[in-house]
N, C-alpha and C. Protein backbone atom coordinates (compact mmCIF):
# COMPACT_ATOMS: atom_id res chain seq x y z
N MET A 1 -14.86 21.34 17.82
CA MET A 1 -16.08 20.95 16.67
C MET A 1 -14.73 20.86 15.46
N THR A 2 -14.70 19.64 14.78
CA THR A 2 -13.63 19.41 14.28
C THR A 2 -14.05 20.13 12.87
N GLU A 3 -12.95 20.07 11.75
CA GLU A 3 -13.30 20.95 10.24
C GLU A 3 -14.22 19.92 9.75
N ILE A 4 -14.36 18.80 9.65
CA ILE A 4 -15.31 17.74 9.30
C ILE A 4 -17.08 18.16 9.74
N GLU A 5 -17.02 18.09 11.03
CA GLU A 5 -18.17 18.13 11.77
C GLU A 5 -18.56 19.58 11.25
N LYS A 6 -17.82 20.55 10.95
CA LYS A 6 -18.37 22.13 10.39
C LYS A 6 -18.59 21.38 9.06
N LEU A 7 -18.17 21.11 8.18
CA LEU A 7 -18.62 21.24 7.08
C LEU A 7 -19.94 19.78 6.99
N ASP A 8 -20.44 19.53 7.51
CA ASP A 8 -21.03 18.27 7.83
C ASP A 8 -22.85 18.99 8.00
N ARG A 9 -22.32 20.11 8.86
CA ARG A 9 -23.32 20.87 8.98
C ARG A 9 -24.12 22.52 8.34
N ILE A 10 -23.18 21.67 6.86
CA ILE A 10 -23.49 22.76 5.50
C ILE A 10 -24.76 22.68 5.40
N ALA A 11 -25.90 22.83 5.37
CA ALA A 11 -26.71 23.00 4.39
C ALA A 11 -26.75 23.05 2.68
N ILE A 12 -27.24 21.90 1.90
CA ILE A 12 -27.67 21.96 0.76
C ILE A 12 -28.61 21.81 0.26
N ASN A 13 -29.22 22.38 -0.47
CA ASN A 13 -30.72 22.00 -1.15
C ASN A 13 -31.04 20.41 -1.48
N VAL A 14 -32.28 20.44 -1.45
CA VAL A 14 -32.99 19.00 -1.55
C VAL A 14 -32.27 18.25 -2.90
N GLN A 15 -32.40 19.12 -3.87
CA GLN A 15 -32.06 18.92 -4.97
C GLN A 15 -30.67 18.19 -5.00
N SER A 16 -29.50 19.07 -4.89
CA SER A 16 -27.86 18.54 -4.53
C SER A 16 -28.02 17.45 -3.59
N HIS A 17 -28.86 17.05 -2.54
CA HIS A 17 -28.31 16.16 -1.64
C HIS A 17 -28.81 14.98 -2.53
N LYS A 18 -30.46 15.24 -2.83
CA LYS A 18 -30.24 13.40 -4.04
C LYS A 18 -29.37 13.54 -5.02
N LEU A 19 -28.75 14.37 -5.58
CA LEU A 19 -27.90 14.14 -6.43
C LEU A 19 -26.36 13.92 -6.04
N LEU A 20 -25.95 14.08 -4.64
CA LEU A 20 -24.70 13.51 -3.95
C LEU A 20 -25.07 12.60 -3.53
N LYS A 21 -26.16 11.69 -3.29
CA LYS A 21 -26.41 10.76 -2.50
C LYS A 21 -26.37 9.23 -3.66
N ILE A 22 -27.09 10.03 -4.78
CA ILE A 22 -26.87 8.86 -6.11
C ILE A 22 -25.16 8.91 -6.45
N LEU A 23 -24.40 10.40 -6.51
CA LEU A 23 -23.16 9.89 -7.22
C LEU A 23 -22.52 9.19 -5.92
N LEU A 24 -22.95 8.84 -4.64
CA LEU A 24 -21.89 8.22 -3.57
C LEU A 24 -21.96 6.39 -3.55
N ASP A 25 -23.64 7.03 -4.00
CA ASP A 25 -24.45 5.43 -3.90
C ASP A 25 -23.60 4.53 -5.01
N GLU A 26 -23.44 5.39 -6.61
CA GLU A 26 -22.77 4.45 -7.38
C GLU A 26 -21.14 4.40 -7.25
N ASN A 27 -20.84 5.54 -6.56
CA ASN A 27 -18.85 5.15 -6.12
C ASN A 27 -18.54 5.23 -5.03
N PRO A 28 -19.05 3.71 -4.48
CA PRO A 28 -18.35 4.17 -2.95
C PRO A 28 -16.96 3.82 -2.71
N GLN A 29 -16.34 3.79 -3.47
CA GLN A 29 -14.61 4.49 -3.01
C GLN A 29 -14.46 6.19 -2.93
N LEU A 30 -15.64 6.44 -3.92
CA LEU A 30 -15.58 7.83 -3.63
C LEU A 30 -15.64 8.24 -2.33
N GLU A 31 -16.71 7.50 -2.04
CA GLU A 31 -17.53 7.85 -0.99
C GLU A 31 -16.30 7.77 0.90
N GLU A 32 -15.91 6.71 0.24
CA GLU A 32 -15.01 6.36 1.15
C GLU A 32 -13.55 7.32 1.35
N ILE A 33 -13.18 7.44 -0.03
CA ILE A 33 -12.00 8.61 -0.06
C ILE A 33 -12.44 10.24 0.44
N LEU A 34 -13.60 10.32 0.26
CA LEU A 34 -14.44 11.74 1.29
C LEU A 34 -14.30 11.71 2.58
N ARG A 35 -14.63 10.22 2.78
CA ARG A 35 -14.75 10.61 4.58
C ARG A 35 -13.42 10.14 5.23
N SER A 36 -12.77 9.77 4.71
CA SER A 36 -11.43 9.27 5.32
C SER A 36 -10.20 10.06 5.50
N SER A 37 -10.42 11.12 4.28
CA SER A 37 -9.25 12.05 3.84
C SER A 37 -9.24 13.07 5.28
N LYS A 38 -8.27 13.31 5.14
CA LYS A 38 -8.14 14.40 6.34
C LYS A 38 -8.42 16.03 6.04
N ASN A 39 -7.54 16.20 5.08
CA ASN A 39 -8.19 17.53 4.37
C ASN A 39 -8.40 17.51 2.67
N GLU A 40 -8.75 18.56 2.02
CA GLU A 40 -8.75 19.06 0.91
C GLU A 40 -7.29 18.06 -0.48
N THR A 41 -6.37 18.11 0.02
CA THR A 41 -5.09 17.95 -1.04
C THR A 41 -5.17 16.62 -1.15
N GLU A 42 -5.65 15.84 0.21
CA GLU A 42 -5.77 14.30 0.48
C GLU A 42 -6.32 14.16 -0.51
N VAL A 43 -7.28 14.58 -0.64
CA VAL A 43 -9.09 14.17 -1.23
C VAL A 43 -8.31 13.79 -2.83
N VAL A 44 -7.84 15.53 -3.25
CA VAL A 44 -7.79 14.86 -4.93
C VAL A 44 -6.60 13.97 -5.22
N TYR A 45 -5.79 14.12 -4.32
CA TYR A 45 -4.75 13.11 -4.65
C TYR A 45 -5.12 11.58 -4.33
N ARG A 46 -5.78 11.49 -3.54
CA ARG A 46 -6.86 10.38 -3.79
C ARG A 46 -7.58 9.93 -4.85
N ILE A 47 -8.06 11.21 -5.28
CA ILE A 47 -9.13 10.52 -6.48
C ILE A 47 -8.56 10.35 -7.31
N ARG A 48 -7.16 11.30 -7.49
CA ARG A 48 -6.26 11.35 -9.17
C ARG A 48 -5.69 9.75 -8.68
N ASN A 49 -5.16 8.81 -7.97
CA ASN A 49 -4.43 7.98 -7.90
C ASN A 49 -6.22 6.79 -8.49
N TRP A 50 -7.27 6.87 -7.90
CA TRP A 50 -8.15 6.20 -8.19
C TRP A 50 -8.69 6.35 -9.48
N ILE A 51 -8.44 7.28 -10.12
CA ILE A 51 -9.28 7.18 -11.74
C ILE A 51 -8.18 6.92 -12.51
N GLU A 52 -6.69 7.15 -12.13
CA GLU A 52 -5.71 6.47 -12.98
C GLU A 52 -5.41 5.07 -12.92
N HIS A 53 -5.68 4.84 -11.71
CA HIS A 53 -6.26 3.52 -11.62
C HIS A 53 -7.03 2.42 -12.64
N SER A 54 -8.24 3.34 -12.73
CA SER A 54 -9.19 2.46 -12.84
C SER A 54 -8.88 3.18 -14.60
N LEU A 55 -8.23 3.94 -14.91
CA LEU A 55 -8.02 4.29 -16.44
C LEU A 55 -7.36 3.40 -17.33
N LYS A 56 -5.96 2.92 -16.49
CA LYS A 56 -5.11 1.86 -16.83
C LYS A 56 -5.57 0.89 -17.67
N ASP A 57 -6.72 0.15 -17.57
CA ASP A 57 -7.66 -1.00 -18.39
C ASP A 57 -7.70 -0.38 -19.56
N ARG A 58 -8.16 1.34 -19.75
CA ARG A 58 -8.51 1.27 -20.82
C ARG A 58 -7.22 2.64 -21.63
N LYS A 59 -6.78 1.90 -22.19
CA LYS A 59 -5.48 2.56 -23.19
C LYS A 59 -5.85 3.92 -23.35
N ASN A 60 -6.81 3.84 -24.58
CA ASN A 60 -7.18 5.35 -25.44
C ASN A 60 -7.96 6.35 -24.23
N THR A 61 -8.59 6.06 -23.22
CA THR A 61 -8.60 6.76 -22.02
C THR A 61 -7.86 7.49 -21.42
N PHE A 62 -6.56 6.80 -21.17
CA PHE A 62 -5.39 6.79 -20.35
C PHE A 62 -4.64 8.25 -21.09
N GLN A 63 -4.32 7.73 -22.29
CA GLN A 63 -3.76 8.42 -22.90
C GLN A 63 -4.29 10.12 -23.35
N PHE A 64 -5.42 9.85 -22.99
CA PHE A 64 -6.33 10.96 -23.66
C PHE A 64 -6.28 12.06 -22.38
N TYR A 65 -6.66 10.89 -21.52
CA TYR A 65 -6.03 12.00 -19.48
C TYR A 65 -4.79 12.78 -19.27
N HIS A 66 -3.73 11.90 -20.42
CA HIS A 66 -2.36 12.84 -19.97
C HIS A 66 -2.36 13.55 -21.11
N ALA A 67 -2.80 13.21 -22.34
CA ALA A 67 -2.71 14.19 -22.94
C ALA A 67 -2.89 16.01 -22.36
């Protein structure tokens, strides 16, 4: 059994599952990152790149993020 299959078997409560579904429905790119990344380090790296790319259009927010 792969690590991902092991993690898929971890039970979360109903409220957490609903919140996770909302989060992933609103952020399909996040879902893609979580599903296709090989490990936690890759997840963090790809999410950071995704956020920085999204913030580049908002100068004040980008500056605050890097402060």
